[in-house]
């Protein structure tokens, strides 16, 4: 500890933990447990393990070449987030997806992503369009590469990540970092439903190649919050209709699902 010229000891200020540019703080887990958590969560989100499937810690530990302790830590974290349910003496089962969960997700997503679009419209500058166009060029180039050589799981993860990136970029423009984090989490939860759809329905819908994303971006760029809100709500209503037609047999209306 150094002393100042006046003799008073100088105590260095504690450094703030760095926050990544995407607004997300590091996840709660560290090391091996974090790696297991990321791997298993990706399998759930991408439909590689399906609702009702049972995951056993010993099997996961062997397949990931780790001990059982980080596996149990990761699985308990996924239980706390609602992705798994502990089954005594059996393992951990992937939670089912149902109409009530879909309704809850879209009620929240519709309102929060509409707010995100409104905030972005108010803060929009021409430089933001440059950023989206650059991100789109990168996404389309990588998409072409993956369609030629990637494993299905790698391609599915890429599609999900790019969809999240589009919506995170919108939220970041509005400047509300908490909103950005919440929307990102909701995107993950919704991905469980998208993973149940045939891949051919989604394979071409990357970033601005998704016409609905183009419409949303044009509305935000107009600077009109009402137009931006309407474009997002329409996008989510269309998503509900596509999803329930394939996943939920009774085909409820979007209004019933909060979109």
C-alpha atoms as a PDB file:
ATOM      1  CA  UNK A   1       0.000   0.000   0.000  1.00  0.00           C
ATOM      2  CA  UNK A   2       1.539   3.335  -1.036  1.00  0.00           C
ATOM      3  CA  UNK A   3       1.320   6.576   0.946  1.00  0.00           C
ATOM      4  CA  UNK A   4       0.246   9.856  -0.618  1.00  0.00           C
ATOM      5  CA  UNK A   5       2.335  13.002  -0.234  1.00  0.00           C
ATOM      6  CA  UNK A   6       0.187  14.077   2.748  1.00  0.00           C
ATOM      7  CA  UNK A   7       0.982  10.836   4.550  1.00  0.00           C
ATOM      8  CA  UNK A   8      -2.474   9.301   4.143  1.00  0.00           C
ATOM      9  CA  UNK A   9      -2.300   5.715   2.905  1.00  0.00           C
ATOM     10  CA  UNK A  10      -3.554   5.290  -0.649  1.00  0.00           C
ATOM     11  CA  UNK A  11      -6.046   2.463  -1.133  1.00  0.00           C
ATOM     12  CA  UNK A  12      -6.476   1.483  -4.801  1.00  0.00           C
ATOM     13  CA  UNK A  13     -10.031   1.453  -6.102  1.00  0.00           C
ATOM     14  CA  UNK A  14     -11.395  -1.994  -6.790  1.00  0.00           C
ATOM     15  CA  UNK A  15     -11.696  -2.661 -10.491  1.00  0.00           C
ATOM     16  CA  UNK A  16     -15.120  -3.275 -11.920  1.00  0.00           C
ATOM     17  CA  UNK A  17     -15.570  -6.612 -13.602  1.00  0.00           C
ATOM     18  CA  UNK A  18     -15.525  -6.211 -17.349  1.00  0.00           C
ATOM     19  CA  UNK A  19     -18.855  -6.575 -19.083  1.00  0.00           C
ATOM     20  CA  UNK A  20     -18.808  -8.004 -22.636  1.00  0.00           C
ATOM     21  CA  UNK A  21     -19.980  -5.800 -25.486  1.00  0.00           C
ATOM     22  CA  UNK A  22     -23.184  -7.798 -25.852  1.00  0.00           C
ATOM     23  CA  UNK A  23     -24.239  -6.645 -22.379  1.00  0.00           C
ATOM     24  CA  UNK A  24     -24.079 -10.088 -20.795  1.00  0.00           C
ATOM     25  CA  UNK A  25     -22.076 -10.627 -17.636  1.00  0.00           C
ATOM     26  CA  UNK A  26     -20.186 -13.914 -17.368  1.00  0.00           C
ATOM     27  CA  UNK A  27     -22.410 -16.849 -16.452  1.00  0.00           C
ATOM     28  CA  UNK A  28     -22.615 -17.994 -12.862  1.00  0.00           C
ATOM     29  CA  UNK A  29     -20.589 -21.169 -13.341  1.00  0.00           C
ATOM     30  CA  UNK A  30     -16.879 -21.408 -14.030  1.00  0.00           C
ATOM     31  CA  UNK A  31     -14.449 -23.912 -15.477  1.00  0.00           C
ATOM     32  CA  UNK A  32     -15.645 -27.423 -16.150  1.00  0.00           C
ATOM     33  CA  UNK A  33     -19.141 -26.860 -14.740  1.00  0.00           C
ATOM     34  CA  UNK A  34     -19.615 -23.917 -17.112  1.00  0.00           C
ATOM     35  CA  UNK A  35     -18.450 -25.979 -20.066  1.00  0.00           C
ATOM     36  CA  UNK A  36     -20.863 -28.790 -19.210  1.00  0.00           C
ATOM     37  CA  UNK A  37     -23.689 -26.291 -18.677  1.00  0.00           C
ATOM     38  CA  UNK A  38     -23.097 -24.671 -22.079  1.00  0.00           C
ATOM     39  CA  UNK A  39     -22.932 -28.023 -23.853  1.00  0.00           C
ATOM     40  CA  UNK A  40     -26.066 -29.526 -22.279  1.00  0.00           C
ATOM     41  CA  UNK A  41     -28.088 -26.324 -22.645  1.00  0.00           C
ATOM     42  CA  UNK A  42     -27.198 -26.183 -26.339  1.00  0.00           C
ATOM     43  CA  UNK A  43     -28.368 -29.786 -26.786  1.00  0.00           C
ATOM     44  CA  UNK A  44     -31.718 -28.885 -25.200  1.00  0.00           C
ATOM     45  CA  UNK A  45     -32.197 -25.648 -27.143  1.00  0.00           C
ATOM     46  CA  UNK A  46     -31.295 -27.211 -30.472  1.00  0.00           C
ATOM     47  CA  UNK A  47     -33.507 -30.256 -30.006  1.00  0.00           C
ATOM     48  CA  UNK A  48     -30.633 -32.727 -29.826  1.00  0.00           C
ATOM     49  CA  UNK A  49     -32.240 -33.966 -26.623  1.00  0.00           C
ATOM     50  CA  UNK A  50     -36.022 -33.793 -26.686  1.00  0.00           C
ATOM     51  CA  UNK A  51     -38.662 -33.010 -24.077  1.00  0.00           C
ATOM     52  CA  UNK A  52     -38.981 -36.006 -21.759  1.00  0.00           C
ATOM     53  CA  UNK A  53     -35.515 -37.392 -22.510  1.00  0.00           C
ATOM     54  CA  UNK A  54     -33.535 -38.407 -19.422  1.00  0.00           C
ATOM     55  CA  UNK A  55     -29.943 -37.276 -18.899  1.00  0.00           C
ATOM     56  CA  UNK A  56     -27.758 -39.320 -16.554  1.00  0.00           C
ATOM     57  CA  UNK A  57     -24.795 -37.626 -14.875  1.00  0.00           C
ATOM     58  CA  UNK A  58     -22.444 -40.647 -15.202  1.00  0.00           C
ATOM     59  CA  UNK A  59     -23.103 -40.912 -18.944  1.00  0.00           C
ATOM     60  CA  UNK A  60     -22.599 -37.189 -19.478  1.00  0.00           C
ATOM     61  CA  UNK A  61     -19.415 -37.210 -17.419  1.00  0.00           C
ATOM     62  CA  UNK A  62     -17.998 -40.001 -19.556  1.00  0.00           C
ATOM     63  CA  UNK A  63     -19.006 -38.430 -22.876  1.00  0.00           C
ATOM     64  CA  UNK A  64     -17.541 -35.038 -21.893  1.00  0.00           C
ATOM     65  CA  UNK A  65     -14.446 -36.502 -20.226  1.00  0.00           C
ATOM     66  CA  UNK A  66     -15.042 -34.792 -16.887  1.00  0.00           C
ATOM     67  CA  UNK A  67     -15.838 -35.959 -13.360  1.00  0.00           C
ATOM     68  CA  UNK A  68     -19.394 -36.163 -12.063  1.00  0.00           C
ATOM     69  CA  UNK A  69     -19.053 -33.112  -9.788  1.00  0.00           C
ATOM     70  CA  UNK A  70     -19.100 -30.412 -12.527  1.00  0.00           C
ATOM     71  CA  UNK A  71     -21.829 -32.377 -14.321  1.00  0.00           C
ATOM     72  CA  UNK A  72     -24.056 -32.306 -11.248  1.00  0.00           C
ATOM     73  CA  UNK A  73     -23.352 -28.571 -10.777  1.00  0.00           C
ATOM     74  CA  UNK A  74     -24.332 -27.879 -14.393  1.00  0.00           C
ATOM     75  CA  UNK A  75     -27.465 -30.019 -14.261  1.00  0.00           C
ATOM     76  CA  UNK A  76     -28.641 -28.403 -11.024  1.00  0.00           C
ATOM     77  CA  UNK A  77     -28.209 -24.999 -12.660  1.00  0.00           C
ATOM     78  CA  UNK A  78     -30.349 -26.114 -15.592  1.00  0.00           C
ATOM     79  CA  UNK A  79     -32.970 -27.337 -13.120  1.00  0.00           C
ATOM     80  CA  UNK A  80     -33.029 -23.878 -11.514  1.00  0.00           C
ATOM     81  CA  UNK A  81     -33.546 -22.319 -14.972  1.00  0.00           C
ATOM     82  CA  UNK A  82     -36.439 -24.646 -15.784  1.00  0.00           C
ATOM     83  CA  UNK A  83     -34.806 -26.708 -18.520  1.00  0.00           C
ATOM     84  CA  UNK A  84     -34.528 -29.919 -16.486  1.00  0.00           C
ATOM     85  CA  UNK A  85     -36.403 -31.706 -13.720  1.00  0.00           C
ATOM     86  CA  UNK A  86     -34.544 -33.875 -11.205  1.00  0.00           C
ATOM     87  CA  UNK A  87     -35.774 -37.471 -11.141  1.00  0.00           C
ATOM     88  CA  UNK A  88     -34.483 -39.257  -7.993  1.00  0.00           C
ATOM     89  CA  UNK A  89     -32.517 -42.428  -8.759  1.00  0.00           C
ATOM     90  CA  UNK A  90     -33.097 -41.879 -12.470  1.00  0.00           C
ATOM     91  CA  UNK A  91     -31.388 -38.676 -13.584  1.00  0.00           C
ATOM     92  CA  UNK A  92     -32.626 -35.396 -14.989  1.00  0.00           C
ATOM     93  CA  UNK A  93     -35.458 -35.215 -17.506  1.00  0.00           C
ATOM     94  CA  UNK A  94     -35.835 -32.459 -20.089  1.00  0.00           C
ATOM     95  CA  UNK A  95     -38.919 -30.430 -19.198  1.00  0.00           C
ATOM     96  CA  UNK A  96     -41.876 -30.744 -21.587  1.00  0.00           C
ATOM     97  CA  UNK A  97     -43.022 -27.895 -23.799  1.00  0.00           C
ATOM     98  CA  UNK A  98     -46.717 -27.092 -23.798  1.00  0.00           C
ATOM     99  CA  UNK A  99     -49.253 -24.487 -24.813  1.00  0.00           C
ATOM    100  CA  UNK A 100     -49.145 -22.685 -21.474  1.00  0.00           C
ATOM    101  CA  UNK A 101     -45.383 -22.241 -21.707  1.00  0.00           C
ATOM    102  CA  UNK A 102     -45.643 -21.016 -25.287  1.00  0.00           C
ATOM    103  CA  UNK A 103     -48.331 -18.506 -24.263  1.00  0.00           C
ATOM    104  CA  UNK A 104     -46.260 -17.240 -21.343  1.00  0.00           C
ATOM    105  CA  UNK A 105     -43.183 -16.780 -23.502  1.00  0.00           C
ATOM    106  CA  UNK A 106     -44.918 -14.869 -26.259  1.00  0.00           C
ATOM    107  CA  UNK A 107     -46.878 -12.655 -23.895  1.00  0.00           C
ATOM    108  CA  UNK A 108     -43.613 -11.467 -22.406  1.00  0.00           C
ATOM    109  CA  UNK A 109     -41.582 -11.430 -25.627  1.00  0.00           C
ATOM    110  CA  UNK A 110     -44.179  -9.452 -27.531  1.00  0.00           C
ATOM    111  CA  UNK A 111     -44.249  -6.674 -24.978  1.00  0.00           C
ATOM    112  CA  UNK A 112     -40.525  -6.509 -24.311  1.00  0.00           C
ATOM    113  CA  UNK A 113     -39.388  -6.746 -27.927  1.00  0.00           C
ATOM    114  CA  UNK A 114     -41.974  -4.145 -28.933  1.00  0.00           C
ATOM    115  CA  UNK A 115     -40.528  -1.843 -26.262  1.00  0.00           C
ATOM    116  CA  UNK A 116     -37.025  -2.613 -27.501  1.00  0.00           C
ATOM    117  CA  UNK A 117     -37.988  -1.621 -31.054  1.00  0.00           C
ATOM    118  CA  UNK A 118     -39.600   1.615 -29.852  1.00  0.00           C
ATOM    119  CA  UNK A 119     -36.462   2.601 -27.943  1.00  0.00           C
ATOM    120  CA  UNK A 120     -34.279   1.749 -30.934  1.00  0.00           C
ATOM    121  CA  UNK A 121     -36.421   3.879 -33.269  1.00  0.00           C
ATOM    122  CA  UNK A 122     -35.919   6.873 -30.985  1.00  0.00           C
ATOM    123  CA  UNK A 123     -32.150   6.411 -30.874  1.00  0.00           C
ATOM    124  CA  UNK A 124     -31.542   5.330 -34.495  1.00  0.00           C
ATOM    125  CA  UNK A 125     -28.728   6.869 -36.579  1.00  0.00           C
ATOM    126  CA  UNK A 126     -27.475   6.020 -40.089  1.00  0.00           C
ATOM    127  CA  UNK A 127     -24.410   4.387 -38.521  1.00  0.00           C
ATOM    128  CA  UNK A 128     -26.661   1.732 -37.047  1.00  0.00           C
ATOM    129  CA  UNK A 129     -27.732   0.597 -40.513  1.00  0.00           C
ATOM    130  CA  UNK A 130     -24.063   0.268 -41.473  1.00  0.00           C
ATOM    131  CA  UNK A 131     -23.563  -2.029 -38.481  1.00  0.00           C
ATOM    132  CA  UNK A 132     -26.525  -4.218 -39.433  1.00  0.00           C
ATOM    133  CA  UNK A 133     -25.447  -4.483 -43.060  1.00  0.00           C
ATOM    134  CA  UNK A 134     -21.908  -5.451 -42.031  1.00  0.00           C
ATOM    135  CA  UNK A 135     -23.245  -8.064 -39.599  1.00  0.00           C
ATOM    136  CA  UNK A 136     -25.508  -9.417 -42.324  1.00  0.00           C
ATOM    137  CA  UNK A 137     -22.659  -9.812 -44.806  1.00  0.00           C
ATOM    138  CA  UNK A 138     -20.719 -11.739 -42.191  1.00  0.00           C
ATOM    139  CA  UNK A 139     -23.732 -13.907 -41.356  1.00  0.00           C
ATOM    140  CA  UNK A 140     -24.539 -14.754 -44.987  1.00  0.00           C
ATOM    141  CA  UNK A 141     -20.933 -15.662 -45.748  1.00  0.00           C
ATOM    142  CA  UNK A 142     -20.739 -17.972 -42.741  1.00  0.00           C
ATOM    143  CA  UNK A 143     -24.149 -19.447 -43.565  1.00  0.00           C
ATOM    144  CA  UNK A 144     -22.996 -20.401 -47.057  1.00  0.00           C
ATOM    145  CA  UNK A 145     -19.929 -22.113 -45.594  1.00  0.00           C
ATOM    146  CA  UNK A 146     -21.922 -24.067 -43.026  1.00  0.00           C
ATOM    147  CA  UNK A 147     -24.556 -25.244 -45.501  1.00  0.00           C
ATOM    148  CA  UNK A 148     -21.792 -26.906 -47.500  1.00  0.00           C
ATOM    149  CA  UNK A 149     -19.702 -28.510 -44.785  1.00  0.00           C
ATOM    150  CA  UNK A 150     -21.242 -28.235 -41.306  1.00  0.00           C
ATOM    151  CA  UNK A 151     -22.868 -30.888 -39.162  1.00  0.00           C
ATOM    152  CA  UNK A 152     -26.621 -30.298 -38.650  1.00  0.00           C
ATOM    153  CA  UNK A 153     -26.067 -29.381 -35.001  1.00  0.00           C
ATOM    154  CA  UNK A 154     -23.478 -26.752 -35.861  1.00  0.00           C
ATOM    155  CA  UNK A 155     -25.760 -25.195 -38.461  1.00  0.00           C
ATOM    156  CA  UNK A 156     -28.696 -25.143 -36.037  1.00  0.00           C
ATOM    157  CA  UNK A 157     -26.597 -23.437 -33.376  1.00  0.00           C
ATOM    158  CA  UNK A 158     -25.444 -20.837 -35.898  1.00  0.00           C
ATOM    159  CA  UNK A 159     -29.020 -20.050 -36.955  1.00  0.00           C
ATOM    160  CA  UNK A 160     -30.077 -19.594 -33.342  1.00  0.00           C
ATOM    161  CA  UNK A 161     -27.075 -17.413 -32.498  1.00  0.00           C
ATOM    162  CA  UNK A 162     -27.645 -15.143 -35.500  1.00  0.00           C
ATOM    163  CA  UNK A 163     -31.326 -14.724 -34.657  1.00  0.00           C
ATOM    164  CA  UNK A 164     -30.367 -13.732 -31.135  1.00  0.00           C
ATOM    165  CA  UNK A 165     -27.726 -11.347 -32.447  1.00  0.00           C
ATOM    166  CA  UNK A 166     -30.273  -9.496 -34.574  1.00  0.00           C
ATOM    167  CA  UNK A 167     -32.587  -8.882 -31.637  1.00  0.00           C
ATOM    168  CA  UNK A 168     -29.718  -8.078 -29.251  1.00  0.00           C
ATOM    169  CA  UNK A 169     -28.418  -5.435 -31.643  1.00  0.00           C
ATOM    170  CA  UNK A 170     -31.839  -3.779 -31.670  1.00  0.00           C
ATOM    171  CA  UNK A 171     -32.005  -3.807 -27.877  1.00  0.00           C
ATOM    172  CA  UNK A 172     -28.468  -2.423 -27.623  1.00  0.00           C
ATOM    173  CA  UNK A 173     -29.410   0.601 -29.731  1.00  0.00           C
ATOM    174  CA  UNK A 174     -32.145   1.461 -27.249  1.00  0.00           C
ATOM    175  CA  UNK A 175     -29.549   1.507 -24.502  1.00  0.00           C
ATOM    176  CA  UNK A 176     -31.373  -0.646 -21.930  1.00  0.00           C
ATOM    177  CA  UNK A 177     -28.890  -3.375 -21.056  1.00  0.00           C
ATOM    178  CA  UNK A 178     -31.235  -5.181 -18.701  1.00  0.00           C
ATOM    179  CA  UNK A 179     -33.804  -5.397 -21.496  1.00  0.00           C
ATOM    180  CA  UNK A 180     -31.157  -6.824 -23.801  1.00  0.00           C
ATOM    181  CA  UNK A 181     -30.277  -9.572 -21.309  1.00  0.00           C
ATOM    182  CA  UNK A 182     -33.908 -10.517 -20.700  1.00  0.00           C
ATOM    183  CA  UNK A 183     -34.695 -10.685 -24.422  1.00  0.00           C
ATOM    184  CA  UNK A 184     -31.649 -12.883 -24.997  1.00  0.00           C
ATOM    185  CA  UNK A 185     -32.803 -15.301 -22.285  1.00  0.00           C
ATOM    186  CA  UNK A 186     -36.316 -15.417 -23.769  1.00  0.00           C
ATOM    187  CA  UNK A 187     -34.843 -16.133 -27.194  1.00  0.00           C
ATOM    188  CA  UNK A 188     -33.140 -19.191 -25.702  1.00  0.00           C
ATOM    189  CA  UNK A 189     -36.359 -20.439 -24.164  1.00  0.00           C
ATOM    190  CA  UNK A 190     -38.279 -19.954 -27.401  1.00  0.00           C
ATOM    191  CA  UNK A 191     -35.617 -21.838 -29.333  1.00  0.00           C
ATOM    192  CA  UNK A 192     -36.838 -25.060 -27.702  1.00  0.00           C
ATOM    193  CA  UNK A 193     -40.049 -24.700 -29.713  1.00  0.00           C
ATOM    194  CA  UNK A 194     -38.293 -23.757 -32.958  1.00  0.00           C
ATOM    195  CA  UNK A 195     -36.151 -26.892 -32.605  1.00  0.00           C
ATOM    196  CA  UNK A 196     -39.310 -28.979 -32.979  1.00  0.00           C
ATOM    197  CA  UNK A 197     -39.981 -27.579 -36.462  1.00  0.00           C
ATOM    198  CA  UNK A 198     -38.632 -29.131 -39.678  1.00  0.00           C
ATOM    199  CA  UNK A 199     -35.202 -27.681 -40.469  1.00  0.00           C
ATOM    200  CA  UNK A 200     -36.214 -26.748 -44.025  1.00  0.00           C
ATOM    201  CA  UNK A 201     -38.591 -24.116 -42.647  1.00  0.00           C
ATOM    202  CA  UNK A 202     -35.739 -22.216 -41.047  1.00  0.00           C
ATOM    203  CA  UNK A 203     -32.616 -22.941 -43.032  1.00  0.00           C
ATOM    204  CA  UNK A 204     -32.753 -19.785 -45.180  1.00  0.00           C
ATOM    205  CA  UNK A 205     -33.955 -17.387 -42.498  1.00  0.00           C
ATOM    206  CA  UNK A 206     -30.644 -15.880 -41.383  1.00  0.00           C
ATOM    207  CA  UNK A 207     -30.332 -12.318 -40.125  1.00  0.00           C
ATOM    208  CA  UNK A 208     -31.512  -9.955 -42.897  1.00  0.00           C
ATOM    209  CA  UNK A 209     -32.285 -12.832 -45.263  1.00  0.00           C
ATOM    210  CA  UNK A 210     -35.363 -13.161 -43.083  1.00  0.00           C
ATOM    211  CA  UNK A 211     -37.754 -10.724 -44.766  1.00  0.00           C
ATOM    212  CA  UNK A 212     -39.475 -10.017 -41.457  1.00  0.00           C
ATOM    213  CA  UNK A 213     -36.158  -8.785 -40.056  1.00  0.00           C
ATOM    214  CA  UNK A 214     -35.798  -6.442 -43.016  1.00  0.00           C
ATOM    215  CA  UNK A 215     -39.275  -5.067 -42.354  1.00  0.00           C
ATOM    216  CA  UNK A 216     -38.494  -4.539 -38.664  1.00  0.00           C
ATOM    217  CA  UNK A 217     -35.220  -2.783 -39.435  1.00  0.00           C
ATOM    218  CA  UNK A 218     -36.845  -0.496 -42.015  1.00  0.00           C
ATOM    219  CA  UNK A 219     -39.553   0.442 -39.517  1.00  0.00           C
ATOM    220  CA  UNK A 220     -36.995   1.204 -36.810  1.00  0.00           C
ATOM    221  CA  UNK A 221     -34.884   3.233 -39.251  1.00  0.00           C
ATOM    222  CA  UNK A 222     -37.922   5.392 -40.035  1.00  0.00           C
ATOM    223  CA  UNK A 223     -37.633   6.777 -36.519  1.00  0.00           C
ATOM    224  CA  UNK A 224     -41.298   6.111 -35.854  1.00  0.00           C
ATOM    225  CA  UNK A 225     -41.715   4.100 -32.611  1.00  0.00           C
ATOM    226  CA  UNK A 226     -45.290   3.095 -33.529  1.00  0.00           C
ATOM    227  CA  UNK A 227     -44.169   1.603 -36.858  1.00  0.00           C
ATOM    228  CA  UNK A 228     -41.301  -0.197 -35.152  1.00  0.00           C
ATOM    229  CA  UNK A 229     -43.616  -1.647 -32.537  1.00  0.00           C
ATOM    230  CA  UNK A 230     -46.123  -2.809 -35.157  1.00  0.00           C
ATOM    231  CA  UNK A 231     -43.436  -4.535 -37.238  1.00  0.00           C
ATOM    232  CA  UNK A 232     -42.166  -6.503 -34.236  1.00  0.00           C
ATOM    233  CA  UNK A 233     -45.655  -7.523 -33.111  1.00  0.00           C
ATOM    234  CA  UNK A 234     -46.473  -8.743 -36.635  1.00  0.00           C
ATOM    235  CA  UNK A 235     -43.240 -10.738 -36.739  1.00  0.00           C
ATOM    236  CA  UNK A 236     -44.007 -12.438 -33.433  1.00  0.00           C
ATOM    237  CA  UNK A 237     -47.638 -13.146 -34.387  1.00  0.00           C
ATOM    238  CA  UNK A 238     -46.431 -14.810 -37.588  1.00  0.00           C
ATOM    239  CA  UNK A 239     -43.975 -16.851 -35.542  1.00  0.00           C
ATOM    240  CA  UNK A 240     -46.761 -18.016 -33.229  1.00  0.00           C
ATOM    241  CA  UNK A 241     -48.912 -19.085 -36.160  1.00  0.00           C
ATOM    242  CA  UNK A 242     -46.054 -21.031 -37.756  1.00  0.00           C
ATOM    243  CA  UNK A 243     -45.107 -22.656 -34.479  1.00  0.00           C
ATOM    244  CA  UNK A 244     -48.522 -23.724 -33.251  1.00  0.00           C
ATOM    245  CA  UNK A 245     -49.419 -25.139 -36.632  1.00  0.00           C
ATOM    246  CA  UNK A 246     -46.533 -27.599 -36.293  1.00  0.00           C
ATOM    247  CA  UNK A 247     -46.088 -28.038 -32.540  1.00  0.00           C
ATOM    248  CA  UNK A 248     -49.496 -27.545 -30.915  1.00  0.00           C
ATOM    249  CA  UNK A 249     -52.230 -29.665 -32.527  1.00  0.00           C
ATOM    250  CA  UNK A 250     -55.267 -27.572 -31.510  1.00  0.00           C
ATOM    251  CA  UNK A 251     -53.972 -24.533 -33.430  1.00  0.00           C
ATOM    252  CA  UNK A 252     -55.034 -21.718 -31.056  1.00  0.00           C
ATOM    253  CA  UNK A 253     -55.139 -18.165 -32.325  1.00  0.00           C
ATOM    254  CA  UNK A 254     -52.191 -15.800 -31.733  1.00  0.00           C
ATOM    255  CA  UNK A 255     -54.452 -13.711 -29.484  1.00  0.00           C
ATOM    256  CA  UNK A 256     -54.828 -16.709 -27.174  1.00  0.00           C
ATOM    257  CA  UNK A 257     -51.042 -16.844 -26.903  1.00  0.00           C
ATOM    258  CA  UNK A 258     -50.607 -13.186 -26.055  1.00  0.00           C
ATOM    259  CA  UNK A 259     -49.022 -12.138 -29.357  1.00  0.00           C
END
